[in-house]
Amino acid sequence: MVGPILERSAGLGFLGGMAILEHIDHAIGFQDVTEGRLGRSPRSALDLGTGGGIPGLVLAAMWPGTDLTLFDSNRRRTDFLTEEIQEWGVTDRVTVVRGRAEESGRLPALRARFEVVTARSFGSPAVTAECAAPFLEVGGILVVSEPPDAGVSDRWPVEGLEEVGLVPLSTRRHRERFGYRVIEKQSETPDRFPRRTGIPAKRPLF
């Protein structure tokens, strides 16, 4: 079911230049890294900036017991995903939410609600950290796709992450092809975060 959805997503220009099978393999890396940390599939997860459904749609197929939210700010993409999720028949466990992370991260229904947040191409490390942290419950993890040559300390500084309650844990690889950063939320995100729409990018924390 996921393959044909991704083909339609690609046809609409919602996915990047990789082949569909490459997208799926990269998404499976999120599954492997997450389960490697938790020892199981998550109870709840949010795919931040899901775009055309990567890795969210693949995770929906791999985690049938997970309460999964596909989050994006673009109306065309979220309308497409909503229609596909309804056709797939998984609306009882998969939700599509359209919004700005800076605003939605303050909503009681979404703040500190998720055990896992995934992010593939959401933004810079500073923007991703500030926008993802409010969605995570304490003890939850953020799993972020990393460039192949990414360093550790230069992209995810301990001091910067601490401002939003996060602590970097490890860098993991999937089949020696894709890299992922695992970051844990170890304390509550202060109420001042996330800042107003656009501010995390204009005035990054690090």
C-alpha atoms as a PDB file:
ATOM      1  CA  MET A   1       0.000   0.000   0.000  1.00  0.00           C
ATOM      2  CA  VAL A   2       2.801   2.425   0.891  1.00  0.00           C
ATOM      3  CA  GLY A   3       4.659   2.049  -2.412  1.00  0.00           C
ATOM      4  CA  PRO A   4       1.772   3.239  -4.605  1.00  0.00           C
ATOM      5  CA  ILE A   5       1.090   6.159  -2.226  1.00  0.00           C
ATOM      6  CA  LEU A   6       4.712   7.241  -2.459  1.00  0.00           C
ATOM      7  CA  GLU A   7       4.581   6.922  -6.247  1.00  0.00           C
ATOM      8  CA  ARG A   8       1.622   9.293  -6.296  1.00  0.00           C
ATOM      9  CA  SER A   9       3.400  11.600  -3.873  1.00  0.00           C
ATOM     10  CA  ALA A  10       6.476  11.678  -6.092  1.00  0.00           C
ATOM     11  CA  GLY A  11       4.307  12.355  -9.110  1.00  0.00           C
ATOM     12  CA  LEU A  12       2.984  15.459  -7.399  1.00  0.00           C
ATOM     13  CA  GLY A  13       6.505  16.662  -6.667  1.00  0.00           C
ATOM     14  CA  PHE A  14       6.269  16.049  -2.913  1.00  0.00           C
ATOM     15  CA  LEU A  15       9.356  13.833  -2.623  1.00  0.00           C
ATOM     16  CA  GLY A  16      13.013  14.518  -3.333  1.00  0.00           C
ATOM     17  CA  GLY A  17      15.125  13.135  -6.122  1.00  0.00           C
ATOM     18  CA  MET A  18      15.806   9.670  -4.683  1.00  0.00           C
ATOM     19  CA  ALA A  19      14.131   6.606  -6.129  1.00  0.00           C
ATOM     20  CA  ILE A  20      11.106   5.311  -4.225  1.00  0.00           C
ATOM     21  CA  LEU A  21      12.980   2.270  -2.936  1.00  0.00           C
ATOM     22  CA  GLU A  22      15.736   4.564  -1.661  1.00  0.00           C
ATOM     23  CA  HIS A  23      13.159   6.666   0.189  1.00  0.00           C
ATOM     24  CA  ILE A  24      11.715   3.520   1.741  1.00  0.00           C
ATOM     25  CA  ASP A  25      15.140   2.227   2.790  1.00  0.00           C
ATOM     26  CA  HIS A  26      15.984   5.578   4.356  1.00  0.00           C
ATOM     27  CA  ALA A  27      12.672   5.546   6.234  1.00  0.00           C
ATOM     28  CA  ILE A  28      13.351   2.017   7.489  1.00  0.00           C
ATOM     29  CA  GLY A  29      16.536   3.441   8.984  1.00  0.00           C
ATOM     30  CA  PHE A  30      14.371   5.615  11.242  1.00  0.00           C
ATOM     31  CA  GLN A  31      12.556   2.479  12.346  1.00  0.00           C
ATOM     32  CA  ASP A  32      15.765   0.564  13.041  1.00  0.00           C
ATOM     33  CA  VAL A  33      17.398   3.404  14.968  1.00  0.00           C
ATOM     34  CA  THR A  34      14.272   4.122  17.015  1.00  0.00           C
ATOM     35  CA  GLU A  35      13.667   0.496  17.929  1.00  0.00           C
ATOM     36  CA  GLY A  36      17.345   0.044  18.658  1.00  0.00           C
ATOM     37  CA  ARG A  37      17.087   2.771  21.277  1.00  0.00           C
ATOM     38  CA  LEU A  38      13.687   1.882  22.741  1.00  0.00           C
ATOM     39  CA  GLY A  39      13.868  -1.888  22.327  1.00  0.00           C
ATOM     40  CA  ARG A  40      10.398  -1.805  20.750  1.00  0.00           C
ATOM     41  CA  SER A  41       8.182   0.323  18.536  1.00  0.00           C
ATOM     42  CA  PRO A  42       7.070   3.617  20.107  1.00  0.00           C
ATOM     43  CA  ARG A  43       3.699   4.181  21.714  1.00  0.00           C
ATOM     44  CA  SER A  44       3.373   7.511  19.906  1.00  0.00           C
ATOM     45  CA  ALA A  45       5.377   9.351  17.267  1.00  0.00           C
ATOM     46  CA  LEU A  46       5.259  12.557  15.258  1.00  0.00           C
ATOM     47  CA  ASP A  47       6.936  12.958  11.863  1.00  0.00           C
ATOM     48  CA  LEU A  48       7.987  16.613  11.827  1.00  0.00           C
ATOM     49  CA  GLY A  49       7.841  18.171   8.376  1.00  0.00           C
ATOM     50  CA  THR A  50       6.602  14.944   6.828  1.00  0.00           C
ATOM     51  CA  GLY A  51       6.321  16.505   3.358  1.00  0.00           C
ATOM     52  CA  GLY A  52       5.091  13.859   0.955  1.00  0.00           C
ATOM     53  CA  GLY A  53       5.057  11.226   3.698  1.00  0.00           C
ATOM     54  CA  ILE A  54       8.687  10.262   4.291  1.00  0.00           C
ATOM     55  CA  PRO A  55       9.438   8.685   6.670  1.00  0.00           C
ATOM     56  CA  GLY A  56       5.930   8.909   8.137  1.00  0.00           C
ATOM     57  CA  LEU A  57       4.029   6.668   5.725  1.00  0.00           C
ATOM     58  CA  VAL A  58       6.644   3.920   5.922  1.00  0.00           C
ATOM     59  CA  LEU A  59       6.636   4.111   9.712  1.00  0.00           C
ATOM     60  CA  ALA A  60       2.846   3.855   9.675  1.00  0.00           C
ATOM     61  CA  ALA A  61       3.195   0.546   7.833  1.00  0.00           C
ATOM     62  CA  MET A  62       5.973  -0.736  10.092  1.00  0.00           C
ATOM     63  CA  TRP A  63       4.420   0.364  13.397  1.00  0.00           C
ATOM     64  CA  PRO A  64       0.757  -0.754  13.365  1.00  0.00           C
ATOM     65  CA  GLY A  65       0.491  -0.279  17.123  1.00  0.00           C
ATOM     66  CA  THR A  66       1.823   3.278  17.176  1.00  0.00           C
ATOM     67  CA  ASP A  67      -0.295   6.425  17.460  1.00  0.00           C
ATOM     68  CA  LEU A  68       1.356   8.335  14.600  1.00  0.00           C
ATOM     69  CA  THR A  69       0.989  11.970  13.571  1.00  0.00           C
ATOM     70  CA  LEU A  70       2.148  13.265  10.184  1.00  0.00           C
ATOM     71  CA  PHE A  71       2.887  16.980  10.649  1.00  0.00           C
ATOM     72  CA  ASP A  72       3.481  19.540   7.905  1.00  0.00           C
ATOM     73  CA  SER A  73       2.718  23.190   7.188  1.00  0.00           C
ATOM     74  CA  ASN A  74       1.815  22.825   3.501  1.00  0.00           C
ATOM     75  CA  ARG A  75      -1.873  22.530   2.617  1.00  0.00           C
ATOM     76  CA  ARG A  76      -1.397  20.609  -0.646  1.00  0.00           C
ATOM     77  CA  ARG A  77       0.776  18.004   1.014  1.00  0.00           C
ATOM     78  CA  THR A  78      -1.444  17.564   4.060  1.00  0.00           C
ATOM     79  CA  ASP A  79      -4.588  17.400   1.925  1.00  0.00           C
ATOM     80  CA  PHE A  80      -2.938  14.677  -0.155  1.00  0.00           C
ATOM     81  CA  LEU A  81      -1.846  12.734   2.929  1.00  0.00           C
ATOM     82  CA  THR A  82      -5.265  13.043   4.562  1.00  0.00           C
ATOM     83  CA  GLU A  83      -6.955  11.600   1.485  1.00  0.00           C
ATOM     84  CA  GLU A  84      -4.437   8.763   1.221  1.00  0.00           C
ATOM     85  CA  ILE A  85      -4.699   7.872   4.916  1.00  0.00           C
ATOM     86  CA  GLN A  86      -8.477   7.727   4.627  1.00  0.00           C
ATOM     87  CA  GLU A  87      -8.244   5.496   1.546  1.00  0.00           C
ATOM     88  CA  TRP A  88      -5.733   3.277   3.346  1.00  0.00           C
ATOM     89  CA  GLY A  89      -8.161   2.915   6.260  1.00  0.00           C
ATOM     90  CA  VAL A  90      -5.755   3.742   9.098  1.00  0.00           C
ATOM     91  CA  THR A  91      -7.321   6.935  10.426  1.00  0.00           C
ATOM     92  CA  ASP A  92      -7.797   5.248  13.798  1.00  0.00           C
ATOM     93  CA  ARG A  93      -4.041   5.335  14.376  1.00  0.00           C
ATOM     94  CA  VAL A  94      -2.598   7.821  11.871  1.00  0.00           C
ATOM     95  CA  THR A  95      -3.429  11.532  11.999  1.00  0.00           C
ATOM     96  CA  VAL A  96      -2.434  14.295   9.598  1.00  0.00           C
ATOM     97  CA  VAL A  97      -1.948  17.726  11.158  1.00  0.00           C
ATOM     98  CA  ARG A  98      -1.255  20.934   9.251  1.00  0.00           C
ATOM     99  CA  GLY A  99       0.349  23.816  11.109  1.00  0.00           C
ATOM    100  CA  ARG A 100       3.460  25.749  11.997  1.00  0.00           C
ATOM    101  CA  ALA A 101       5.601  23.910  14.511  1.00  0.00           C
ATOM    102  CA  GLU A 102       6.236  27.127  16.425  1.00  0.00           C
ATOM    103  CA  GLU A 103       2.486  27.445  17.045  1.00  0.00           C
ATOM    104  CA  SER A 104       1.463  23.783  17.286  1.00  0.00           C
ATOM    105  CA  GLY A 105       4.206  23.033  19.792  1.00  0.00           C
ATOM    106  CA  ARG A 106       2.283  25.149  22.278  1.00  0.00           C
ATOM    107  CA  LEU A 107      -1.058  23.378  21.849  1.00  0.00           C
ATOM    108  CA  PRO A 108      -2.033  21.238  24.872  1.00  0.00           C
ATOM    109  CA  ALA A 109      -3.119  18.405  22.558  1.00  0.00           C
ATOM    110  CA  LEU A 110       0.379  18.190  21.031  1.00  0.00           C
ATOM    111  CA  ARG A 111       2.845  19.538  23.596  1.00  0.00           C
ATOM    112  CA  ALA A 112       4.848  16.846  25.446  1.00  0.00           C
ATOM    113  CA  ARG A 113       2.589  14.289  23.778  1.00  0.00           C
ATOM    114  CA  PHE A 114       4.984  12.045  21.826  1.00  0.00           C
ATOM    115  CA  GLU A 115       7.526   9.411  22.751  1.00  0.00           C
ATOM    116  CA  VAL A 116       9.359   9.865  19.433  1.00  0.00           C
ATOM    117  CA  VAL A 117       9.753  12.711  16.954  1.00  0.00           C
ATOM    118  CA  THR A 118      11.350  11.995  13.575  1.00  0.00           C
ATOM    119  CA  ALA A 119      12.750  14.670  11.268  1.00  0.00           C
ATOM    120  CA  ARG A 120      14.192  14.083   7.814  1.00  0.00           C
ATOM    121  CA  SER A 121      14.688  17.496   6.176  1.00  0.00           C
ATOM    122  CA  PHE A 122      12.921  19.876   8.521  1.00  0.00           C
ATOM    123  CA  GLY A 123      15.602  22.508   8.978  1.00  0.00           C
ATOM    124  CA  SER A 124      18.943  23.296  10.550  1.00  0.00           C
ATOM    125  CA  PRO A 125      19.877  21.505  13.789  1.00  0.00           C
ATOM    126  CA  ALA A 126      18.975  24.558  15.874  1.00  0.00           C
ATOM    127  CA  VAL A 127      15.573  24.977  14.231  1.00  0.00           C
ATOM    128  CA  THR A 128      14.834  21.260  14.383  1.00  0.00           C
ATOM    129  CA  ALA A 129      15.763  21.047  18.064  1.00  0.00           C
ATOM    130  CA  GLU A 130      13.684  24.054  19.108  1.00  0.00           C
ATOM    131  CA  CYS A 131      10.638  22.980  17.106  1.00  0.00           C
ATOM    132  CA  ALA A 132      10.810  19.270  17.982  1.00  0.00           C
ATOM    133  CA  ALA A 133      11.504  19.465  21.723  1.00  0.00           C
ATOM    134  CA  PRO A 134       8.080  20.827  22.752  1.00  0.00           C
ATOM    135  CA  PHE A 135       6.322  17.863  21.121  1.00  0.00           C
ATOM    136  CA  LEU A 136       8.381  15.299  23.057  1.00  0.00           C
ATOM    137  CA  GLU A 137       7.551  13.874  26.448  1.00  0.00           C
ATOM    138  CA  VAL A 138      10.391  13.738  28.964  1.00  0.00           C
ATOM    139  CA  GLY A 139      12.330  10.555  28.235  1.00  0.00           C
ATOM    140  CA  GLY A 140      11.313  10.617  24.578  1.00  0.00           C
ATOM    141  CA  ILE A 141      13.737  10.784  21.676  1.00  0.00           C
ATOM    142  CA  LEU A 142      14.272  12.891  18.586  1.00  0.00           C
ATOM    143  CA  VAL A 143      15.671  10.951  15.606  1.00  0.00           C
ATOM    144  CA  VAL A 144      17.090  13.174  12.873  1.00  0.00           C
ATOM    145  CA  SER A 145      18.479  12.261   9.471  1.00  0.00           C
ATOM    146  CA  GLU A 146      22.092  13.431   9.145  1.00  0.00           C
ATOM    147  CA  PRO A 147      24.325  14.186   6.142  1.00  0.00           C
ATOM    148  CA  PRO A 148      26.849  11.409   5.436  1.00  0.00           C
ATOM    149  CA  ASP A 149      29.826  13.543   6.497  1.00  0.00           C
ATOM    150  CA  ALA A 150      28.180  15.235   9.476  1.00  0.00           C
ATOM    151  CA  GLY A 151      30.226  15.707  12.608  1.00  0.00           C
ATOM    152  CA  VAL A 152      28.820  15.446  16.105  1.00  0.00           C
ATOM    153  CA  SER A 153      29.814  18.386  18.282  1.00  0.00           C
ATOM    154  CA  ASP A 154      29.648  21.024  15.555  1.00  0.00           C
ATOM    155  CA  ARG A 155      26.008  20.318  14.594  1.00  0.00           C
ATOM    156  CA  TRP A 156      24.429  19.412  17.941  1.00  0.00           C
ATOM    157  CA  PRO A 157      26.209  21.294  20.751  1.00  0.00           C
ATOM    158  CA  VAL A 158      25.347  20.154  24.265  1.00  0.00           C
ATOM    159  CA  GLU A 159      24.887  23.693  25.588  1.00  0.00           C
ATOM    160  CA  GLY A 160      22.469  24.685  22.836  1.00  0.00           C
ATOM    161  CA  LEU A 161      20.350  21.562  23.152  1.00  0.00           C
ATOM    162  CA  GLU A 162      20.129  21.926  26.934  1.00  0.00           C
ATOM    163  CA  GLU A 163      18.176  25.162  26.489  1.00  0.00           C
ATOM    164  CA  VAL A 164      15.163  23.170  25.234  1.00  0.00           C
ATOM    165  CA  GLY A 165      15.663  20.143  27.504  1.00  0.00           C
ATOM    166  CA  LEU A 166      17.537  17.951  25.022  1.00  0.00           C
ATOM    167  CA  VAL A 167      20.739  15.912  25.363  1.00  0.00           C
ATOM    168  CA  PRO A 168      22.594  14.354  22.394  1.00  0.00           C
ATOM    169  CA  LEU A 169      23.052  10.599  22.703  1.00  0.00           C
ATOM    170  CA  SER A 170      24.559   8.937  19.661  1.00  0.00           C
ATOM    171  CA  THR A 171      24.977   8.851  15.906  1.00  0.00           C
ATOM    172  CA  ARG A 172      23.729   5.700  14.206  1.00  0.00           C
ATOM    173  CA  ARG A 173      24.001   4.379  10.672  1.00  0.00           C
ATOM    174  CA  HIS A 174      21.632   2.204   8.667  1.00  0.00           C
ATOM    175  CA  ARG A 175      23.266  -0.319   6.326  1.00  0.00           C
ATOM    176  CA  GLU A 176      26.332   1.958   6.188  1.00  0.00           C
ATOM    177  CA  ARG A 177      24.412   4.334   3.915  1.00  0.00           C
ATOM    178  CA  PHE A 178      22.276   6.667   5.980  1.00  0.00           C
ATOM    179  CA  GLY A 179      23.117   8.508   9.179  1.00  0.00           C
ATOM    180  CA  TYR A 180      20.820   9.442  12.073  1.00  0.00           C
ATOM    181  CA  ARG A 181      21.279  11.469  15.237  1.00  0.00           C
ATOM    182  CA  VAL A 182      19.528  10.323  18.402  1.00  0.00           C
ATOM    183  CA  ILE A 183      18.729  13.025  20.967  1.00  0.00           C
ATOM    184  CA  GLU A 184      16.868  12.494  24.228  1.00  0.00           C
ATOM    185  CA  LYS A 185      14.561  14.884  26.031  1.00  0.00           C
ATOM    186  CA  GLN A 186      15.757  14.750  29.621  1.00  0.00           C
ATOM    187  CA  SER A 187      13.920  17.737  31.093  1.00  0.00           C
ATOM    188  CA  GLU A 188      10.841  19.825  30.374  1.00  0.00           C
ATOM    189  CA  THR A 189      11.116  22.369  27.586  1.00  0.00           C
ATOM    190  CA  PRO A 190      10.811  25.868  29.110  1.00  0.00           C
ATOM    191  CA  ASP A 191       7.522  27.619  28.399  1.00  0.00           C
ATOM    192  CA  ARG A 192       9.233  30.268  26.273  1.00  0.00           C
ATOM    193  CA  PHE A 193       9.924  27.661  23.580  1.00  0.00           C
ATOM    194  CA  PRO A 194       9.170  27.430  20.783  1.00  0.00           C
ATOM    195  CA  ARG A 195       9.518  31.101  19.992  1.00  0.00           C
ATOM    196  CA  ARG A 196       7.254  32.913  17.543  1.00  0.00           C
ATOM    197  CA  THR A 197       6.930  31.740  13.937  1.00  0.00           C
ATOM    198  CA  GLY A 198      10.156  32.367  12.042  1.00  0.00           C
ATOM    199  CA  ILE A 199      12.227  33.348  15.070  1.00  0.00           C
ATOM    200  CA  PRO A 200      13.983  29.958  15.505  1.00  0.00           C
ATOM    201  CA  ALA A 201      15.463  30.378  12.010  1.00  0.00           C
ATOM    202  CA  LYS A 202      16.171  34.114  12.290  1.00  0.00           C
ATOM    203  CA  ARG A 203      17.763  33.893  15.734  1.00  0.00           C
ATOM    204  CA  PRO A 204      18.934  30.270  16.126  1.00  0.00           C
ATOM    205  CA  LEU A 205      19.820  28.963  19.573  1.00  0.00           C
ATOM    206  CA  PHE A 206      23.212  27.748  18.308  1.00  0.00           C
END
